[in-house]
Amino acid sequence: MPGCMTVNEMKNALVAGVDIVKLFPSNQFEPTIISSIHAPLPQVTIMPSGGVNSENLLDWFQAGAEVVSVGGELTDTKNDTTLMAQRYIEKLKELSK
């Protein structure tokens, strides 16, 4: 899955046949970047990666992400992985309310 930062890179990834484009590193953007990308490329499925965490997870989905990539918070040895996973599940449940 290609990591892209620009609309042109995303366009090239779509031409190459990808189904999902990884917006990487997403911590360089606000979630509202998705609507800016969808203006010229409404067909692109964007997966923010790099900087997605339990605090901004809902922001990314509410901005139009169909899938996200999380890792740092889940794999940080300072965190209990099970508790972090439960936190993500609870956040995701908020989307369906």
PDB file of N, CA and C in Angstrom:
ATOM      1  N   MET A   1       0.855  -1.166   0.000  1.00  0.00           N
ATOM      2  CA  MET A   1       0.000   0.000   0.000  1.00  0.00           C
ATOM      3  C   MET A   1       0.906   1.235   0.000  1.00  0.00           C
ATOM      4  N   PRO A   2       0.767   2.066  -0.987  1.00  0.00           N
ATOM      5  CA  PRO A   2       1.657   3.220  -1.073  1.00  0.00           C
ATOM      6  C   PRO A   2       1.317   4.289  -0.036  1.00  0.00           C
ATOM      7  N   GLY A   3       2.353   4.884   0.517  1.00  0.00           N
ATOM      8  CA  GLY A   3       2.176   6.028   1.397  1.00  0.00           C
ATOM      9  C   GLY A   3       2.272   7.291   0.556  1.00  0.00           C
ATOM     10  N   CYS A   4       1.246   8.107   0.601  1.00  0.00           N
ATOM     11  CA  CYS A   4       1.199   9.301  -0.241  1.00  0.00           C
ATOM     12  C   CYS A   4       0.925  10.538   0.614  1.00  0.00           C
ATOM     13  N   MET A   5       1.511  11.659   0.173  1.00  0.00           N
ATOM     14  CA  MET A   5       1.267  12.931   0.852  1.00  0.00           C
ATOM     15  C   MET A   5       0.575  13.955  -0.047  1.00  0.00           C
ATOM     16  N   THR A   6       0.594  13.740  -1.350  1.00  0.00           N
ATOM     17  CA  THR A   6       0.030  14.733  -2.266  1.00  0.00           C
ATOM     18  C   THR A   6      -1.050  14.115  -3.141  1.00  0.00           C
ATOM     19  N   VAL A   7      -1.886  14.978  -3.686  1.00  0.00           N
ATOM     20  CA  VAL A   7      -2.932  14.523  -4.601  1.00  0.00           C
ATOM     21  C   VAL A   7      -2.300  13.859  -5.822  1.00  0.00           C
ATOM     22  N   ASN A   8      -1.208  14.414  -6.313  1.00  0.00           N
ATOM     23  CA  ASN A   8      -0.550  13.820  -7.478  1.00  0.00           C
ATOM     24  C   ASN A   8      -0.044  12.412  -7.173  1.00  0.00           C
ATOM     25  N   GLU A   9       0.558  12.219  -6.012  1.00  0.00           N
ATOM     26  CA  GLU A   9       1.006  10.876  -5.633  1.00  0.00           C
ATOM     27  C   GLU A   9      -0.182   9.922  -5.529  1.00  0.00           C
ATOM     28  N   MET A  10      -1.293  10.400  -5.006  1.00  0.00           N
ATOM     29  CA  MET A  10      -2.492   9.568  -4.890  1.00  0.00           C
ATOM     30  C   MET A  10      -3.047   9.228  -6.263  1.00  0.00           C
ATOM     31  N   LYS A  11      -3.047  10.208  -7.163  1.00  0.00           N
ATOM     32  CA  LYS A  11      -3.505   9.962  -8.531  1.00  0.00           C
ATOM     33  C   LYS A  11      -2.656   8.876  -9.181  1.00  0.00           C
ATOM     34  N   ASN A  12      -1.351   8.961  -9.024  1.00  0.00           N
ATOM     35  CA  ASN A  12      -0.454   7.949  -9.583  1.00  0.00           C
ATOM     36  C   ASN A  12      -0.698   6.575  -8.964  1.00  0.00           C
ATOM     37  N   ALA A  13      -0.978   6.549  -7.675  1.00  0.00           N
ATOM     38  CA  ALA A  13      -1.270   5.279  -7.009  1.00  0.00           C
ATOM     39  C   ALA A  13      -2.553   4.665  -7.562  1.00  0.00           C
ATOM     40  N   LEU A  14      -3.568   5.490  -7.799  1.00  0.00           N
ATOM     41  CA  LEU A  14      -4.814   4.985  -8.376  1.00  0.00           C
ATOM     42  C   LEU A  14      -4.591   4.438  -9.780  1.00  0.00           C
ATOM     43  N   VAL A  15      -3.808   5.152 -10.575  1.00  0.00           N
ATOM     44  CA  VAL A  15      -3.488   4.690 -11.935  1.00  0.00           C
ATOM     45  C   VAL A  15      -2.772   3.343 -11.872  1.00  0.00           C
ATOM     46  N   ALA A  16      -1.940   3.157 -10.844  1.00  0.00           N
ATOM     47  CA  ALA A  16      -1.211   1.900 -10.683  1.00  0.00           C
ATOM     48  C   ALA A  16      -2.117   0.764 -10.209  1.00  0.00           C
ATOM     49  N   GLY A  17      -3.346   1.107  -9.789  1.00  0.00           N
ATOM     50  CA  GLY A  17      -4.313   0.070  -9.457  1.00  0.00           C
ATOM     51  C   GLY A  17      -4.560  -0.184  -7.979  1.00  0.00           C
ATOM     52  N   VAL A  18      -4.108   0.695  -7.101  1.00  0.00           N
ATOM     53  CA  VAL A  18      -4.344   0.453  -5.682  1.00  0.00           C
ATOM     54  C   VAL A  18      -5.807   0.703  -5.320  1.00  0.00           C
ATOM     55  N   ASP A  19      -6.266   0.020  -4.293  1.00  0.00           N
ATOM     56  CA  ASP A  19      -7.630   0.202  -3.808  1.00  0.00           C
ATOM     57  C   ASP A  19      -7.704   1.209  -2.673  1.00  0.00           C
ATOM     58  N   ILE A  20      -6.637   1.262  -1.875  1.00  0.00           N
ATOM     59  CA  ILE A  20      -6.578   2.157  -0.725  1.00  0.00           C
ATOM     60  C   ILE A  20      -5.253   2.890  -0.754  1.00  0.00           C
ATOM     61  N   VAL A  21      -5.306   4.187  -0.512  1.00  0.00           N
ATOM     62  CA  VAL A  21      -4.094   4.996  -0.454  1.00  0.00           C
ATOM     63  C   VAL A  21      -3.839   5.359   1.005  1.00  0.00           C
ATOM     64  N   LYS A  22      -2.621   5.117   1.441  1.00  0.00           N
ATOM     65  CA  LYS A  22      -2.232   5.458   2.811  1.00  0.00           C
ATOM     66  C   LYS A  22      -1.762   6.907   2.843  1.00  0.00           C
ATOM     67  N   LEU A  23      -2.469   7.749   3.598  1.00  0.00           N
ATOM     68  CA  LEU A  23      -2.048   9.127   3.817  1.00  0.00           C
ATOM     69  C   LEU A  23      -0.986   9.080   4.907  1.00  0.00           C
ATOM     70  N   PHE A  24       0.268   9.256   4.501  1.00  0.00           N
ATOM     71  CA  PHE A  24       1.381   9.072   5.428  1.00  0.00           C
ATOM     72  C   PHE A  24       2.421  10.150   5.265  1.00  0.00           C
ATOM     73  N   PRO A  25       2.881  10.688   6.331  1.00  0.00           N
ATOM     74  CA  PRO A  25       2.405  10.533   7.712  1.00  0.00           C
ATOM     75  C   PRO A  25       1.226  11.470   7.983  1.00  0.00           C
ATOM     76  N   SER A  26       0.163  10.905   8.465  1.00  0.00           N
ATOM     77  CA  SER A  26      -1.055  11.699   8.640  1.00  0.00           C
ATOM     78  C   SER A  26      -0.925  12.729   9.754  1.00  0.00           C
ATOM     79  N   ASN A  27       0.057  12.580  10.626  1.00  0.00           N
ATOM     80  CA  ASN A  27       0.210  13.576  11.685  1.00  0.00           C
ATOM     81  C   ASN A  27       0.711  14.918  11.140  1.00  0.00           C
ATOM     82  N   GLN A  28       0.997  14.992   9.858  1.00  0.00           N
ATOM     83  CA  GLN A  28       1.380  16.249   9.220  1.00  0.00           C
ATOM     84  C   GLN A  28       0.163  17.017   8.703  1.00  0.00           C
ATOM     85  N   PHE A  29      -1.028  16.438   8.881  1.00  0.00           N
ATOM     86  CA  PHE A  29      -2.263  17.008   8.353  1.00  0.00           C
ATOM     87  C   PHE A  29      -3.346  17.031   9.418  1.00  0.00           C
ATOM     88  N   GLU A  30      -4.335  17.866   9.191  1.00  0.00           N
ATOM     89  CA  GLU A  30      -5.571  17.825   9.969  1.00  0.00           C
ATOM     90  C   GLU A  30      -6.517  16.867   9.252  1.00  0.00           C
ATOM     91  N   PRO A  31      -7.446  16.246   9.963  1.00  0.00           N
ATOM     92  CA  PRO A  31      -8.390  15.341   9.306  1.00  0.00           C
ATOM     93  C   PRO A  31      -9.166  15.984   8.145  1.00  0.00           C
ATOM     94  N   THR A  32      -9.360  17.274   8.180  1.00  0.00           N
ATOM     95  CA  THR A  32     -10.097  17.946   7.110  1.00  0.00           C
ATOM     96  C   THR A  32      -9.391  17.850   5.754  1.00  0.00           C
ATOM     97  N   ILE A  33      -8.149  17.406   5.737  1.00  0.00           N
ATOM     98  CA  ILE A  33      -7.434  17.235   4.467  1.00  0.00           C
ATOM     99  C   ILE A  33      -8.176  16.247   3.561  1.00  0.00           C
ATOM    100  N   ILE A  34      -8.921  15.341   4.159  1.00  0.00           N
ATOM    101  CA  ILE A  34      -9.628  14.333   3.359  1.00  0.00           C
ATOM    102  C   ILE A  34     -10.601  14.987   2.392  1.00  0.00           C
ATOM    103  N   SER A  35     -11.361  15.978   2.851  1.00  0.00           N
ATOM    104  CA  SER A  35     -12.305  16.633   1.933  1.00  0.00           C
ATOM    105  C   SER A  35     -11.560  17.391   0.849  1.00  0.00           C
ATOM    106  N   SER A  36     -10.404  17.923   1.159  1.00  0.00           N
ATOM    107  CA  SER A  36      -9.601  18.614   0.142  1.00  0.00           C
ATOM    108  C   SER A  36      -9.092  17.639  -0.911  1.00  0.00           C
ATOM    109  N   ILE A  37      -8.726  16.449  -0.480  1.00  0.00           N
ATOM    110  CA  ILE A  37      -8.268  15.417  -1.418  1.00  0.00           C
ATOM    111  C   ILE A  37      -9.431  14.894  -2.247  1.00  0.00           C
ATOM    112  N   HIS A  38     -10.590  14.730  -1.610  1.00  0.00           N
ATOM    113  CA  HIS A  38     -11.756  14.196  -2.328  1.00  0.00           C
ATOM    114  C   HIS A  38     -12.303  15.167  -3.372  1.00  0.00           C
ATOM    115  N   ALA A  39     -11.954  16.451  -3.273  1.00  0.00           N
ATOM    116  CA  ALA A  39     -12.425  17.398  -4.292  1.00  0.00           C
ATOM    117  C   ALA A  39     -11.942  16.979  -5.679  1.00  0.00           C
ATOM    118  N   PRO A  40     -10.646  16.772  -5.897  1.00  0.00           N
ATOM    119  CA  PRO A  40     -10.204  16.322  -7.222  1.00  0.00           C
ATOM    120  C   PRO A  40     -10.237  14.805  -7.396  1.00  0.00           C
ATOM    121  N   LEU A  41     -10.238  14.055  -6.297  1.00  0.00           N
ATOM    122  CA  LEU A  41     -10.195  12.583  -6.369  1.00  0.00           C
ATOM    123  C   LEU A  41     -11.289  11.973  -5.485  1.00  0.00           C
ATOM    124  N   PRO A  42     -12.551  12.155  -5.854  1.00  0.00           N
ATOM    125  CA  PRO A  42     -13.631  11.663  -4.986  1.00  0.00           C
ATOM    126  C   PRO A  42     -13.648  10.142  -4.841  1.00  0.00           C
ATOM    127  N   GLN A  43     -13.016   9.444  -5.760  1.00  0.00           N
ATOM    128  CA  GLN A  43     -13.049   7.983  -5.750  1.00  0.00           C
ATOM    129  C   GLN A  43     -11.994   7.352  -4.844  1.00  0.00           C
ATOM    130  N   VAL A  44     -11.067   8.137  -4.318  1.00  0.00           N
ATOM    131  CA  VAL A  44      -9.970   7.564  -3.562  1.00  0.00           C
ATOM    132  C   VAL A  44     -10.400   7.203  -2.136  1.00  0.00           C
ATOM    133  N   THR A  45     -10.023   6.004  -1.712  1.00  0.00           N
ATOM    134  CA  THR A  45     -10.216   5.567  -0.334  1.00  0.00           C
ATOM    135  C   THR A  45      -8.925   5.882   0.409  1.00  0.00           C
ATOM    136  N   ILE A  46      -9.032   6.698   1.443  1.00  0.00           N
ATOM    137  CA  ILE A  46      -7.860   7.180   2.161  1.00  0.00           C
ATOM    138  C   ILE A  46      -7.768   6.519   3.523  1.00  0.00           C
ATOM    139  N   MET A  47      -6.566   6.017   3.830  1.00  0.00           N
ATOM    140  CA  MET A  47      -6.283   5.428   5.134  1.00  0.00           C
ATOM    141  C   MET A  47      -5.211   6.272   5.820  1.00  0.00           C
ATOM    142  N   PRO A  48      -5.603   7.132   6.768  1.00  0.00           N
ATOM    143  CA  PRO A  48      -4.592   7.870   7.512  1.00  0.00           C
ATOM    144  C   PRO A  48      -3.708   6.902   8.303  1.00  0.00           C
ATOM    145  N   SER A  49      -2.423   7.166   8.301  1.00  0.00           N
ATOM    146  CA  SER A  49      -1.457   6.311   9.001  1.00  0.00           C
ATOM    147  C   SER A  49      -0.310   7.183   9.497  1.00  0.00           C
ATOM    148  N   GLY A  50       0.120   6.904  10.700  1.00  0.00           N
ATOM    149  CA  GLY A  50       1.210   7.694  11.272  1.00  0.00           C
ATOM    150  C   GLY A  50       0.648   8.868  12.043  1.00  0.00           C
ATOM    151  N   GLY A  51       0.353   8.652  13.299  1.00  0.00           N
ATOM    152  CA  GLY A  51      -0.203   9.722  14.113  1.00  0.00           C
ATOM    153  C   GLY A  51      -1.656   9.529  14.478  1.00  0.00           C
ATOM    154  N   VAL A  52      -2.298   8.488  13.968  1.00  0.00           N
ATOM    155  CA  VAL A  52      -3.683   8.210  14.367  1.00  0.00           C
ATOM    156  C   VAL A  52      -3.624   7.573  15.751  1.00  0.00           C
ATOM    157  N   ASN A  53      -4.446   8.084  16.659  1.00  0.00           N
ATOM    158  CA  ASN A  53      -4.462   7.544  18.012  1.00  0.00           C
ATOM    159  C   ASN A  53      -5.885   7.585  18.566  1.00  0.00           C
ATOM    160  N   SER A  54      -6.036   7.142  19.805  1.00  0.00           N
ATOM    161  CA  SER A  54      -7.383   7.075  20.382  1.00  0.00           C
ATOM    162  C   SER A  54      -8.006   8.453  20.584  1.00  0.00           C
ATOM    163  N   GLU A  55      -7.186   9.483  20.626  1.00  0.00           N
ATOM    164  CA  GLU A  55      -7.718  10.836  20.803  1.00  0.00           C
ATOM    165  C   GLU A  55      -8.239  11.445  19.501  1.00  0.00           C
ATOM    166  N   ASN A  56      -7.667  11.080  18.362  1.00  0.00           N
ATOM    167  CA  ASN A  56      -8.103  11.687  17.095  1.00  0.00           C
ATOM    168  C   ASN A  56      -8.776  10.699  16.144  1.00  0.00           C
ATOM    169  N   LEU A  57      -8.944   9.472  16.581  1.00  0.00           N
ATOM    170  CA  LEU A  57      -9.549   8.421  15.753  1.00  0.00           C
ATOM    171  C   LEU A  57     -10.894   8.846  15.166  1.00  0.00           C
ATOM    172  N   LEU A  58     -11.773   9.338  16.019  1.00  0.00           N
ATOM    173  CA  LEU A  58     -13.114   9.735  15.549  1.00  0.00           C
ATOM    174  C   LEU A  58     -13.049  10.903  14.586  1.00  0.00           C
ATOM    175  N   ASP A  59     -12.112  11.820  14.822  1.00  0.00           N
ATOM    176  CA  ASP A  59     -11.967  12.965  13.917  1.00  0.00           C
ATOM    177  C   ASP A  59     -11.673  12.489  12.491  1.00  0.00           C
ATOM    178  N   TRP A  60     -10.796  11.494  12.368  1.00  0.00           N
ATOM    179  CA  TRP A  60     -10.455  10.995  11.035  1.00  0.00           C
ATOM    180  C   TRP A  60     -11.656  10.339  10.357  1.00  0.00           C
ATOM    181  N   PHE A  61     -12.403   9.528  11.103  1.00  0.00           N
ATOM    182  CA  PHE A  61     -13.585   8.896  10.507  1.00  0.00           C
ATOM    183  C   PHE A  61     -14.643   9.932  10.163  1.00  0.00           C
ATOM    184  N   GLN A  62     -14.868  10.874  11.043  1.00  0.00           N
ATOM    185  CA  GLN A  62     -15.879  11.897  10.781  1.00  0.00           C
ATOM    186  C   GLN A  62     -15.486  12.788   9.606  1.00  0.00           C
ATOM    187  N   ALA A  63     -14.207  12.867   9.327  1.00  0.00           N
ATOM    188  CA  ALA A  63     -13.731  13.670   8.191  1.00  0.00           C
ATOM    189  C   ALA A  63     -13.812  12.907   6.873  1.00  0.00           C
ATOM    190  N   GLY A  64     -14.096  11.605   6.924  1.00  0.00           N
ATOM    191  CA  GLY A  64     -14.264  10.848   5.688  1.00  0.00           C
ATOM    192  C   GLY A  64     -13.355   9.655   5.497  1.00  0.00           C
ATOM    193  N   ALA A  65     -12.491   9.365   6.458  1.00  0.00           N
ATOM    194  CA  ALA A  65     -11.662   8.162   6.341  1.00  0.00           C
ATOM    195  C   ALA A  65     -12.568   6.935   6.421  1.00  0.00           C
ATOM    196  N   GLU A  66     -12.305   5.960   5.577  1.00  0.00           N
ATOM    197  CA  GLU A  66     -13.078   4.724   5.619  1.00  0.00           C
ATOM    198  C   GLU A  66     -12.372   3.660   6.441  1.00  0.00           C
ATOM    199  N   VAL A  67     -11.079   3.844   6.624  1.00  0.00           N
ATOM    200  CA  VAL A  67     -10.245   2.925   7.402  1.00  0.00           C
ATOM    201  C   VAL A  67      -9.072   3.742   7.925  1.00  0.00           C
ATOM    202  N   VAL A  68      -8.525   3.353   9.063  1.00  0.00           N
ATOM    203  CA  VAL A  68      -7.345   4.027   9.608  1.00  0.00           C
ATOM    204  C   VAL A  68      -6.312   2.972   9.987  1.00  0.00           C
ATOM    205  N   SER A  69      -5.082   3.434  10.121  1.00  0.00           N
ATOM    206  CA  SER A  69      -3.997   2.575  10.573  1.00  0.00           C
ATOM    207  C   SER A  69      -3.526   3.094  11.923  1.00  0.00           C
ATOM    208  N   VAL A  70      -3.528   2.227  12.914  1.00  0.00           N
ATOM    209  CA  VAL A  70      -3.015   2.601  14.232  1.00  0.00           C
ATOM    210  C   VAL A  70      -1.917   1.629  14.610  1.00  0.00           C
ATOM    211  N   GLY A  71      -0.990   2.087  15.383  1.00  0.00           N
ATOM    212  CA  GLY A  71       0.090   1.195  15.765  1.00  0.00           C
ATOM    213  C   GLY A  71       0.855   1.673  16.969  1.00  0.00           C
ATOM    214  N   GLY A  72       1.363   2.895  16.915  1.00  0.00           N
ATOM    215  CA  GLY A  72       2.236   3.394  17.962  1.00  0.00           C
ATOM    216  C   GLY A  72       1.649   3.272  19.348  1.00  0.00           C
ATOM    217  N   GLU A  73       0.420   3.691  19.509  1.00  0.00           N
ATOM    218  CA  GLU A  73      -0.230   3.651  20.816  1.00  0.00           C
ATOM    219  C   GLU A  73      -0.478   2.208  21.263  1.00  0.00           C
ATOM    220  N   LEU A  74      -0.781   1.336  20.305  1.00  0.00           N
ATOM    221  CA  LEU A  74      -1.044  -0.070  20.638  1.00  0.00           C
ATOM    222  C   LEU A  74       0.226  -0.841  20.973  1.00  0.00           C
ATOM    223  N   THR A  75       1.317  -0.482  20.357  1.00  0.00           N
ATOM    224  CA  THR A  75       2.553  -1.237  20.552  1.00  0.00           C
ATOM    225  C   THR A  75       3.513  -0.591  21.535  1.00  0.00           C
ATOM    226  N   ASP A  76       3.180   0.578  22.042  1.00  0.00           N
ATOM    227  CA  ASP A  76       4.023   1.255  23.024  1.00  0.00           C
ATOM    228  C   ASP A  76       4.080   0.401  24.293  1.00  0.00           C
ATOM    229  N   THR A  77       5.275   0.042  24.716  1.00  0.00           N
ATOM    230  CA  THR A  77       5.430  -0.831  25.880  1.00  0.00           C
ATOM    231  C   THR A  77       4.957  -0.172  27.168  1.00  0.00           C
ATOM    232  N   LYS A  78       4.744   1.153  27.159  1.00  0.00           N
ATOM    233  CA  LYS A  78       4.223   1.846  28.342  1.00  0.00           C
ATOM    234  C   LYS A  78       2.718   1.619  28.504  1.00  0.00           C
ATOM    235  N   ASN A  79       2.067   1.174  27.436  1.00  0.00           N
ATOM    236  CA  ASN A  79       0.619   0.970  27.455  1.00  0.00           C
ATOM    237  C   ASN A  79       0.281  -0.507  27.548  1.00  0.00           C
ATOM    238  N   ASP A  80      -0.831  -0.802  28.192  1.00  0.00           N
ATOM    239  CA  ASP A  80      -1.366  -2.163  28.213  1.00  0.00           C
ATOM    240  C   ASP A  80      -2.124  -2.357  26.901  1.00  0.00           C
ATOM    241  N   THR A  81      -1.647  -3.254  26.075  1.00  0.00           N
ATOM    242  CA  THR A  81      -2.223  -3.445  24.738  1.00  0.00           C
ATOM    243  C   THR A  81      -3.705  -3.778  24.792  1.00  0.00           C
ATOM    244  N   THR A  82      -4.109  -4.621  25.721  1.00  0.00           N
ATOM    245  CA  THR A  82      -5.522  -5.002  25.828  1.00  0.00           C
ATOM    246  C   THR A  82      -6.379  -3.794  26.189  1.00  0.00           C
ATOM    247  N   LEU A  83      -5.923  -3.010  27.144  1.00  0.00           N
ATOM    248  CA  LEU A  83      -6.690  -1.816  27.533  1.00  0.00           C
ATOM    249  C   LEU A  83      -6.760  -0.810  26.392  1.00  0.00           C
ATOM    250  N   MET A  84      -5.649  -0.664  25.655  1.00  0.00           N
ATOM    251  CA  MET A  84      -5.664   0.264  24.519  1.00  0.00           C
ATOM    252  C   MET A  84      -6.637  -0.229  23.444  1.00  0.00           C
ATOM    253  N   ALA A  85      -6.633  -1.511  23.168  1.00  0.00           N
ATOM    254  CA  ALA A  85      -7.558  -2.068  22.172  1.00  0.00           C
ATOM    255  C   ALA A  85      -9.001  -1.838  22.602  1.00  0.00           C
ATOM    256  N   GLN A  86      -9.275  -2.005  23.883  1.00  0.00           N
ATOM    257  CA  GLN A  86     -10.627  -1.753  24.388  1.00  0.00           C
ATOM    258  C   GLN A  86     -11.003  -0.282  24.233  1.00  0.00           C
ATOM    259  N   ARG A  87     -10.031   0.604  24.441  1.00  0.00           N
ATOM    260  CA  ARG A  87     -10.290   2.034  24.263  1.00  0.00           C
ATOM    261  C   ARG A  87     -10.673   2.335  22.814  1.00  0.00           C
ATOM    262  N   TYR A  88      -9.962   1.713  21.872  1.00  0.00           N
ATOM    263  CA  TYR A  88     -10.285   1.897  20.455  1.00  0.00           C
ATOM    264  C   TYR A  88     -11.676   1.366  20.137  1.00  0.00           C
ATOM    265  N   ILE A  89     -12.012   0.222  20.678  1.00  0.00           N
ATOM    266  CA  ILE A  89     -13.338  -0.354  20.436  1.00  0.00           C
ATOM    267  C   ILE A  89     -14.425   0.585  20.951  1.00  0.00           C
ATOM    268  N   GLU A  90     -14.235   1.125  22.143  1.00  0.00           N
ATOM    269  CA  GLU A  90     -15.211   2.066  22.707  1.00  0.00           C
ATOM    270  C   GLU A  90     -15.339   3.313  21.838  1.00  0.00           C
ATOM    271  N   LYS A  91     -14.225   3.818  21.353  1.00  0.00           N
ATOM    272  CA  LYS A  91     -14.272   4.987  20.470  1.00  0.00           C
ATOM    273  C   LYS A  91     -15.043   4.679  19.197  1.00  0.00           C
ATOM    274  N   LEU A  92     -14.769   3.511  18.617  1.00  0.00           N
ATOM    275  CA  LEU A  92     -15.463   3.134  17.384  1.00  0.00           C
ATOM    276  C   LEU A  92     -16.966   2.963  17.594  1.00  0.00           C
ATOM    277  N   LYS A  93     -17.353   2.507  18.767  1.00  0.00           N
ATOM    278  CA  LYS A  93     -18.787   2.383  19.077  1.00  0.00           C
ATOM    279  C   LYS A  93     -19.460   3.745  19.047  1.00  0.00           C
ATOM    280  N   GLU A  94     -18.724   4.793  19.378  1.00  0.00           N
ATOM    281  CA  GLU A  94     -19.277   6.141  19.357  1.00  0.00           C
ATOM    282  C   GLU A  94     -19.689   6.562  17.939  1.00  0.00           C
ATOM    283  N   LEU A  95     -19.056   6.001  16.946  1.00  0.00           N
ATOM    284  CA  LEU A  95     -19.412   6.331  15.555  1.00  0.00           C
ATOM    285  C   LEU A  95     -20.811   5.886  15.197  1.00  0.00           C
ATOM    286  N   SER A  96     -21.271   4.814  15.805  1.00  0.00           N
ATOM    287  CA  SER A  96     -22.584   4.278  15.433  1.00  0.00           C
ATOM    288  C   SER A  96     -23.715   4.882  16.268  1.00  0.00           C
ATOM    289  N   LYS A  97     -23.386   5.800  17.154  1.00  0.00           N
ATOM    290  CA  LYS A  97     -24.435   6.441  17.980  1.00  0.00           C
ATOM    291  C   LYS A  97     -25.128   7.535  17.214  1.00  0.00           C
TER     292      LYS A  97
END
